[in-house]
N, C-alpha and C. Protein backbone atom coordinates (compact mmCIF):
# COMPACT_ATOMS: atom_id res chain seq x y z
N MET A 1 -13.04 21.25 18.14
CA MET A 1 -11.65 20.87 17.54
C MET A 1 -11.68 21.66 16.11
N PRO A 2 -10.66 22.40 15.82
CA PRO A 2 -10.58 23.34 14.42
C PRO A 2 -10.39 22.15 13.23
N SER A 3 -11.14 22.36 12.10
CA SER A 3 -11.14 21.64 11.02
C SER A 3 -10.00 22.13 10.09
N ASN A 4 -9.36 23.37 10.15
CA ASN A 4 -8.35 23.85 9.56
C ASN A 4 -7.04 23.71 10.17
N LEU A 5 -6.68 22.71 10.90
CA LEU A 5 -5.44 22.30 11.58
C LEU A 5 -4.12 22.55 10.52
N PHE A 6 -4.14 21.90 9.41
CA PHE A 6 -3.27 21.66 8.52
C PHE A 6 -3.47 22.40 7.13
N ALA A 7 -3.80 23.75 7.63
CA ALA A 7 -4.09 24.73 6.47
C ALA A 7 -3.43 25.87 6.78
N GLY A 8 -2.85 26.77 5.61
CA GLY A 8 -2.36 27.95 6.00
C GLY A 8 -1.08 28.04 6.79
N PRO A 9 -1.11 28.81 7.74
CA PRO A 9 0.02 29.05 8.94
C PRO A 9 0.39 27.79 9.77
N HIS A 10 -0.46 27.10 10.01
CA HIS A 10 -0.32 25.72 10.66
C HIS A 10 0.76 24.95 9.94
N LEU A 11 0.41 24.79 8.69
CA LEU A 11 1.20 23.76 7.87
C LEU A 11 2.68 24.36 7.68
N TRP A 12 2.89 25.72 7.47
CA TRP A 12 4.19 26.31 7.56
C TRP A 12 5.05 26.12 8.76
N ILE A 13 4.38 26.32 9.93
CA ILE A 13 4.89 26.06 11.20
C ILE A 13 5.28 24.71 11.12
N LEU A 14 4.46 23.65 11.02
CA LEU A 14 4.81 22.18 11.07
C LEU A 14 5.84 21.77 10.33
N LEU A 15 5.95 22.41 8.72
CA LEU A 15 7.19 21.89 8.31
C LEU A 15 8.29 22.51 8.40
N ILE A 16 8.47 23.90 9.21
CA ILE A 16 9.63 24.48 9.74
C ILE A 16 10.18 23.57 11.09
N VAL A 17 9.36 23.22 11.67
CA VAL A 17 9.55 22.33 13.00
C VAL A 17 10.21 21.07 12.52
N ILE A 18 9.42 20.19 11.54
CA ILE A 18 10.19 19.12 10.76
C ILE A 18 11.50 19.57 10.52
N LEU A 19 11.67 20.47 9.52
CA LEU A 19 13.03 21.20 9.01
C LEU A 19 14.02 21.04 10.12
N LEU A 20 13.55 21.88 11.27
CA LEU A 20 14.57 21.93 12.36
C LEU A 20 14.83 20.71 13.12
N LEU A 21 13.98 19.79 13.17
CA LEU A 21 14.30 18.52 14.11
C LEU A 21 15.30 17.61 13.10
N PHE A 22 14.97 17.48 11.78
CA PHE A 22 15.59 16.51 11.17
C PHE A 22 16.93 16.96 10.15
N GLY A 23 16.64 18.50 10.12
CA GLY A 23 17.66 18.98 9.01
C GLY A 23 17.66 18.84 7.61
N ALA A 24 18.02 19.75 6.82
CA ALA A 24 17.82 19.58 5.39
C ALA A 24 18.48 18.45 4.78
N ALA A 25 19.62 18.13 5.30
CA ALA A 25 20.54 17.09 4.58
C ALA A 25 19.51 15.68 4.79
N LYS A 26 18.92 15.51 5.79
CA LYS A 26 18.29 14.50 5.95
C LYS A 26 17.10 14.07 5.43
N LEU A 27 16.14 15.13 5.10
CA LEU A 27 14.90 15.25 4.55
C LEU A 27 14.56 14.37 3.49
N PRO A 28 15.29 14.50 2.39
CA PRO A 28 15.27 13.56 1.11
C PRO A 28 15.44 11.85 1.56
N ALA A 29 16.30 11.62 2.29
CA ALA A 29 16.46 10.28 2.82
C ALA A 29 15.17 9.89 3.58
N LEU A 30 14.74 10.75 4.39
CA LEU A 30 13.39 10.37 5.11
C LEU A 30 12.22 10.10 4.12
N ALA A 31 11.97 11.19 3.29
CA ALA A 31 11.05 10.98 2.19
C ALA A 31 11.13 9.98 1.48
N LYS A 32 12.27 9.44 1.17
CA LYS A 32 12.74 8.05 0.14
C LYS A 32 12.26 6.90 1.05
N SER A 33 12.54 6.79 2.48
CA SER A 33 12.32 5.78 3.35
C SER A 33 10.74 5.62 3.39
N MET A 34 10.38 6.97 3.65
CA MET A 34 8.71 6.90 3.94
C MET A 34 8.00 6.29 2.53
N GLY A 35 8.25 6.78 1.27
CA GLY A 35 7.87 6.14 0.03
C GLY A 35 8.34 4.75 -0.15
N GLN A 36 9.23 4.18 0.13
CA GLN A 36 9.60 2.76 -0.03
C GLN A 36 8.60 1.83 1.08
N SER A 37 8.43 2.47 2.40
CA SER A 37 7.55 1.71 3.21
C SER A 37 5.96 1.85 2.81
N ALA A 38 5.60 3.07 2.29
CA ALA A 38 4.11 3.04 1.40
C ALA A 38 4.12 2.00 0.63
N ARG A 39 5.45 1.75 -0.37
CA ARG A 39 5.19 1.05 -1.22
C ARG A 39 4.92 -0.73 -1.04
N ILE A 40 5.86 -0.99 -0.19
CA ILE A 40 5.83 -2.30 0.55
C ILE A 40 4.70 -2.50 1.29
N PHE A 41 4.04 -1.65 1.86
CA PHE A 41 2.58 -1.83 2.57
C PHE A 41 1.61 -2.15 1.72
N LYS A 42 1.41 -1.34 0.51
CA LYS A 42 0.66 -1.52 -0.64
C LYS A 42 0.64 -2.74 -1.07
N GLY A 43 2.05 -3.12 -1.32
CA GLY A 43 2.09 -4.46 -2.00
C GLY A 43 1.78 -5.70 -1.26
N GLU A 44 2.02 -5.41 0.26
CA GLU A 44 1.55 -6.71 1.24
C GLU A 44 0.03 -6.70 1.45
N MET A 45 -0.59 -5.46 1.50
CA MET A 45 -1.91 -5.42 1.42
C MET A 45 -2.66 -6.11 0.29
N LYS A 46 -2.17 -5.73 -0.88
CA LYS A 46 -2.40 -6.45 -2.19
C LYS A 46 -2.28 -7.87 -2.23
N ALA A 47 -1.32 -8.42 -1.62
CA ALA A 47 -1.00 -9.86 -1.65
C ALA A 47 -2.05 -10.52 -0.71
N MET A 48 -2.10 -9.98 0.48
CA MET A 48 -3.14 -10.29 1.49
C MET A 48 -4.47 -10.39 0.60
N LYS A 49 -5.06 -9.49 -0.01
CA LYS A 49 -6.26 -9.58 -0.81
C LYS A 49 -6.33 -10.66 -1.57
N ASP A 50 -5.34 -10.83 -2.56
CA ASP A 50 -5.19 -11.81 -3.44
C ASP A 50 -5.09 -13.39 -2.83
N ASP A 51 -4.65 -13.38 -1.64
CA ASP A 51 -4.49 -14.67 -0.81
C ASP A 51 -5.79 -14.98 -0.45
N ASP A 52 -6.60 -13.84 0.09
CA ASP A 52 -7.82 -14.11 0.71
C ASP A 52 -8.97 -14.64 -0.46
N LYS A 53 -8.71 -14.15 -1.69
CA LYS A 53 -9.40 -14.47 -2.82
C LYS A 53 -9.41 -16.07 -3.17
N THR A 54 -7.76 -16.15 -3.49
CA THR A 54 -7.57 -17.59 -3.63
C THR A 54 -7.95 -18.42 -2.62
N THR A 55 -8.01 -18.30 -1.38
CA THR A 55 -8.18 -19.05 -0.39
C THR A 55 -9.71 -19.43 -0.39
N GLY A 56 -10.48 -18.18 -0.61
CA GLY A 56 -11.75 -18.36 -0.48
C GLY A 56 -12.30 -19.36 -1.52
N ALA A 57 -11.50 -19.19 -2.72
CA ALA A 57 -12.16 -20.05 -3.99
C ALA A 57 -11.65 -21.53 -3.73
N ALA A 58 -10.58 -21.71 -3.04
CA ALA A 58 -10.20 -23.17 -2.94
C ALA A 58 -11.08 -23.72 -1.80
N GLU A 59 -11.55 -23.00 -0.71
CA GLU A 59 -12.51 -23.56 0.24
C GLU A 59 -13.69 -23.91 -0.39
N ALA A 60 -13.99 -22.94 -1.24
CA ALA A 60 -15.49 -23.12 -1.91
C ALA A 60 -15.37 -24.44 -2.85
N CYS A 61 -14.37 -24.72 -3.61
CA CYS A 61 -14.11 -25.93 -4.24
C CYS A 61 -13.99 -27.21 -3.42
N THR A 62 -13.50 -27.10 -2.21
CA THR A 62 -13.25 -28.26 -1.51
C THR A 62 -14.48 -28.61 -0.79
N VAL A 63 -15.44 -27.51 -0.43
CA VAL A 63 -16.72 -27.73 0.11
C VAL A 63 -17.71 -28.59 -1.07
N ASP A 64 -17.39 -27.94 -2.38
CA ASP A 64 -18.16 -28.41 -3.21
C ASP A 64 -18.18 -30.03 -3.60
N ASN A 65 -16.50 -30.28 -3.52
CA ASN A 65 -16.18 -31.57 -3.87
C ASN A 65 -16.45 -32.48 -2.81
N ALA A 66 -16.32 -31.97 -1.54
CA ALA A 66 -16.93 -32.90 -0.52
C ALA A 66 -18.31 -33.21 -0.43
N ALA A 67 -19.12 -32.23 -0.90
CA ALA A 67 -20.45 -32.89 -0.86
C ALA A 67 -20.88 -33.62 -2.06
N ALA A 68 -19.88 -33.56 -3.30
CA ALA A 68 -20.15 -34.51 -4.32
C ALA A 68 -19.57 -35.95 -4.24
N THR A 69 -18.61 -35.81 -3.51
CA THR A 69 -18.09 -37.12 -3.27
C THR A 69 -18.63 -38.05 -2.15
N PRO A 70 -18.80 -39.19 -2.37
CA PRO A 70 -19.64 -40.14 -1.22
C PRO A 70 -18.32 -40.48 -0.30
N ALA A 71 -19.15 -40.69 0.99
CA ALA A 71 -18.08 -40.69 2.22
C ALA A 71 -17.65 -42.17 1.87
N PRO A 72 -16.14 -42.49 2.06
CA PRO A 72 -15.66 -43.87 1.91
C PRO A 72 -16.41 -44.85 2.81
N ALA A 73 -16.45 -46.07 2.19
CA ALA A 73 -16.78 -47.20 2.95
C ALA A 73 -16.00 -47.48 4.28
N GLN A 74 -16.60 -47.93 5.39
CA GLN A 74 -15.54 -48.33 6.41
C GLN A 74 -15.22 -49.87 6.18
N THR A 75 -14.11 -50.08 6.65
CA THR A 75 -13.53 -51.58 6.55
C THR A 75 -13.94 -52.33 7.71
N PRO A 76 -14.15 -53.60 7.37
CA PRO A 76 -14.72 -54.43 8.68
C PRO A 76 -13.65 -54.48 9.60
N ALA A 77 -13.86 -54.72 10.85
CA ALA A 77 -12.89 -54.97 12.06
C ALA A 77 -12.26 -56.08 12.03
N SER A 78 -11.12 -56.33 12.26
CA SER A 78 -10.11 -57.38 12.32
C SER A 78 -10.75 -58.66 13.16
N SER A 79 -10.52 -60.02 12.49
CA SER A 79 -11.07 -60.79 13.28
C SER A 79 -10.03 -61.59 14.35
N THR A 80 -8.85 -61.12 14.39
CA THR A 80 -7.99 -61.30 15.51
C THR A 80 -7.91 -60.24 16.54
N PRO A 81 -8.20 -60.63 17.73
CA PRO A 81 -8.30 -59.43 18.94
C PRO A 81 -6.87 -58.87 18.95
N ALA A 82 -7.15 -57.49 19.35
CA ALA A 82 -5.75 -56.76 19.66
C ALA A 82 -5.05 -57.52 20.83
N ASP A 83 -5.64 -57.69 21.82
CA ASP A 83 -5.31 -57.98 23.14
C ASP A 83 -5.74 -59.57 23.54
N PRO A 84 -4.99 -60.46 23.81
CA PRO A 84 -5.27 -61.58 24.00
C PRO A 84 -6.22 -61.82 25.41
N ALA A 85 -7.31 -62.68 25.55
CA ALA A 85 -8.03 -62.75 26.54
C ALA A 85 -7.04 -63.38 27.80
N PRO A 86 -7.22 -62.93 29.03
CA PRO A 86 -6.60 -63.19 30.10
C PRO A 86 -6.52 -64.80 30.29
N GLY A 87 -5.31 -65.41 30.51
CA GLY A 87 -5.27 -67.21 30.50
C GLY A 87 -5.17 -67.71 29.19
N ALA A 88 -5.45 -66.85 28.21
CA ALA A 88 -5.09 -67.53 26.73
C ALA A 88 -3.66 -67.95 26.74
N PRO A 89 -3.19 -69.02 25.80
CA PRO A 89 -1.75 -69.34 25.74
C PRO A 89 -1.34 -68.16 24.59
N ASP A 90 -0.09 -67.94 24.79
CA ASP A 90 0.49 -66.70 23.87
C ASP A 90 0.88 -67.68 22.47
N ALA A 91 0.64 -67.06 21.40
CA ALA A 91 0.99 -67.50 20.02
C ALA A 91 2.52 -67.57 20.00
N LYS A 92 3.18 -66.68 20.74
CA LYS A 92 4.66 -66.45 20.32
C LYS A 92 5.28 -67.59 20.97
N SER A 93 4.71 -68.30 22.21
CA SER A 93 5.60 -69.44 22.76
C SER A 93 5.25 -70.83 22.42
């Protein structure tokens, strides 16, 4: 595969084809929309990287806090049974 595909006459032919396809009037609008799309993409990528950094730091803090905090004590079981024994009288009647 040639390494000089976008150099010299190839680039000129590509630009002429683009000009014929889109027309001279639409090229500035096309360039503007491509620039806005690139700007939005860069902003979203930066936001994702910042979000990953803050999420990673928050996870590290919660892991550290969980290791330092003792587990809560378990409460004793209730003395009243949840289901009365079969044949036992109801407390409601």
